[in-house]
């Protein structure tokens, strides 16, 4: 599957994210937007800017690195994850630039409940060795 932009809501507005061909998140919008149309428009702007816009590498206390894409001194995109090494962050910027310009916009918008940025997981099944409920544990008299 080719790289693509995906718009979603997570209870606090709308955002976009750029997914690589391997479904890993490469970038995301820095702030929630008011509606899906604004998220789509913002993602399209980032797509157009990705190849030439200024990218800053930001170190967080020297322990991890992130990148931010700037246009007219406004942050338009941020790295999806922190990187342990500066060189990993530089490579992530190259992947972002490569994918962002070619990525398509998905037609469906996703809705995640609550404040989650990822879909909810199904409830865990009880382990087979877990204790049975008190009613079932008693043997008939």
Protein backbone atom coordinates (compact mmCIF):
# COMPACT_ATOMS: atom_id res chain seq x y z
CA UNK A 1 0.00 0.00 0.00
CA UNK A 2 1.49 3.40 -0.91
CA UNK A 3 2.09 6.20 1.59
CA UNK A 4 -1.07 8.09 2.50
CA UNK A 5 -2.50 10.85 4.64
CA UNK A 6 -5.23 9.85 7.05
CA UNK A 7 -7.55 12.26 8.89
CA UNK A 8 -9.00 11.30 12.24
CA UNK A 9 -10.64 12.63 15.35
CA UNK A 10 -9.74 11.61 18.86
CA UNK A 11 -12.24 13.60 20.87
CA UNK A 12 -10.32 16.90 20.86
CA UNK A 13 -10.62 18.05 17.25
CA UNK A 14 -9.36 16.65 13.96
CA UNK A 15 -5.81 15.75 13.02
CA UNK A 16 -3.97 14.17 10.12
CA UNK A 17 -1.09 11.72 10.04
CA UNK A 18 1.17 10.49 7.27
CA UNK A 19 1.45 6.72 7.06
CA UNK A 20 4.30 5.06 5.18
CA UNK A 21 3.85 2.09 2.86
CA UNK A 22 4.50 -0.16 5.88
CA UNK A 23 1.64 1.54 7.83
CA UNK A 24 4.02 3.23 10.27
CA UNK A 25 3.24 6.81 11.20
CA UNK A 26 5.88 9.14 9.74
CA UNK A 27 4.42 12.53 10.71
CA UNK A 28 1.36 14.13 12.22
CA UNK A 29 -0.31 17.49 12.56
CA UNK A 30 1.06 19.50 15.48
CA UNK A 31 -2.31 20.71 16.77
CA UNK A 32 -5.93 19.55 16.52
CA UNK A 33 -7.96 21.27 13.80
CA UNK A 34 -11.64 22.28 13.97
CA UNK A 35 -13.09 19.88 11.36
CA UNK A 36 -12.18 17.21 8.79
CA UNK A 37 -12.03 19.72 5.93
CA UNK A 38 -9.40 21.75 7.80
CA UNK A 39 -7.38 18.60 8.47
CA UNK A 40 -7.48 17.62 4.79
CA UNK A 41 -6.47 21.13 3.71
CA UNK A 42 -3.60 21.21 6.22
CA UNK A 43 -2.33 17.80 5.04
CA UNK A 44 -2.42 18.99 1.43
CA UNK A 45 -0.44 22.08 2.38
CA UNK A 46 2.19 19.93 4.12
CA UNK A 47 2.36 17.70 1.06
CA UNK A 48 3.08 20.72 -1.14
CA UNK A 49 5.65 22.15 1.31
CA UNK A 50 7.45 18.94 2.31
CA UNK A 51 10.22 18.99 -0.28
CA UNK A 52 11.37 22.59 0.31
CA UNK A 53 10.20 23.72 3.75
CA UNK A 54 12.60 24.27 6.62
CA UNK A 55 12.92 21.36 9.04
CA UNK A 56 14.36 21.85 12.51
CA UNK A 57 15.81 19.05 14.60
CA UNK A 58 14.96 19.48 18.27
CA UNK A 59 16.74 17.70 21.10
CA UNK A 60 14.80 17.00 24.26
CA UNK A 61 17.34 17.25 27.08
CA UNK A 62 19.91 15.52 24.87
CA UNK A 63 18.08 12.23 25.35
CA UNK A 64 15.89 12.12 22.26
CA UNK A 65 15.37 13.95 18.98
CA UNK A 66 12.29 15.13 17.09
CA UNK A 67 11.85 17.12 13.91
CA UNK A 68 9.40 19.92 13.10
CA UNK A 69 8.50 21.27 9.66
CA UNK A 70 8.19 25.06 9.60
CA UNK A 71 6.54 27.35 7.06
CA UNK A 72 6.52 31.12 7.70
CA UNK A 73 7.65 30.36 11.28
CA UNK A 74 4.55 28.22 11.87
CA UNK A 75 4.93 24.53 12.76
CA UNK A 76 3.03 22.54 10.10
CA UNK A 77 4.13 18.97 10.84
CA UNK A 78 5.99 17.09 13.56
CA UNK A 79 7.68 13.73 13.82
CA UNK A 80 5.38 11.01 15.05
CA UNK A 81 7.90 9.55 17.49
CA UNK A 82 11.08 10.62 19.27
CA UNK A 83 14.39 9.21 18.03
CA UNK A 84 17.23 8.05 20.26
CA UNK A 85 19.93 9.36 17.92
CA UNK A 86 20.20 12.51 15.85
CA UNK A 87 21.14 10.47 12.75
CA UNK A 88 17.89 8.44 13.05
CA UNK A 89 15.97 11.72 13.14
CA UNK A 90 17.80 12.96 10.01
CA UNK A 91 16.88 9.73 8.20
CA UNK A 92 13.27 10.12 9.33
CA UNK A 93 13.16 13.60 7.78
CA UNK A 94 14.38 12.13 4.47
CA UNK A 95 11.68 9.42 4.60
CA UNK A 96 9.06 12.04 5.42
CA UNK A 97 10.12 14.30 2.52
CA UNK A 98 10.12 11.34 0.12
CA UNK A 99 6.69 10.05 1.14
CA UNK A 100 4.89 13.33 1.85
CA UNK A 101 4.98 14.66 -1.69
CA UNK A 102 3.70 11.40 -3.20
CA UNK A 103 1.17 10.38 -0.55
CA UNK A 104 -2.53 10.30 -1.33
CA UNK A 105 -5.35 11.42 0.96
CA UNK A 106 -7.55 8.58 2.19
CA UNK A 107 -11.24 9.15 1.60
CA UNK A 108 -12.50 7.79 4.91
CA UNK A 109 -12.07 9.64 8.17
CA UNK A 110 -11.45 7.69 11.35
CA UNK A 111 -13.05 8.34 14.72
CA UNK A 112 -11.20 7.16 17.81
CA UNK A 113 -13.09 7.33 21.12
CA UNK A 114 -11.91 9.43 24.05
CA UNK A 115 -8.55 11.13 23.79
CA UNK A 116 -6.82 8.17 22.15
CA UNK A 117 -4.75 8.62 19.00
CA UNK A 118 -5.00 4.93 18.19
CA UNK A 119 -7.98 2.63 17.78
CA UNK A 120 -9.15 0.88 20.95
CA UNK A 121 -8.00 -2.68 21.46
CA UNK A 122 -10.57 -5.42 21.93
CA UNK A 123 -10.99 -6.54 25.55
CA UNK A 124 -8.45 -9.10 26.63
CA UNK A 125 -9.66 -12.66 26.88
CA UNK A 126 -9.24 -14.23 30.31
CA UNK A 127 -6.27 -16.53 30.59
CA UNK A 128 -7.20 -20.22 30.64
CA UNK A 129 -5.54 -20.63 34.03
CA UNK A 130 -7.39 -17.71 35.60
CA UNK A 131 -9.54 -18.57 38.58
CA UNK A 132 -13.16 -19.37 37.82
CA UNK A 133 -15.86 -17.14 39.31
CA UNK A 134 -16.79 -17.96 42.90
CA UNK A 135 -20.16 -19.50 41.88
CA UNK A 136 -18.57 -21.84 39.38
CA UNK A 137 -15.72 -22.85 41.72
CA UNK A 138 -18.02 -24.44 44.29
CA UNK A 139 -18.80 -28.08 43.71
CA UNK A 140 -22.37 -29.28 44.15
CA UNK A 141 -23.16 -30.73 47.61
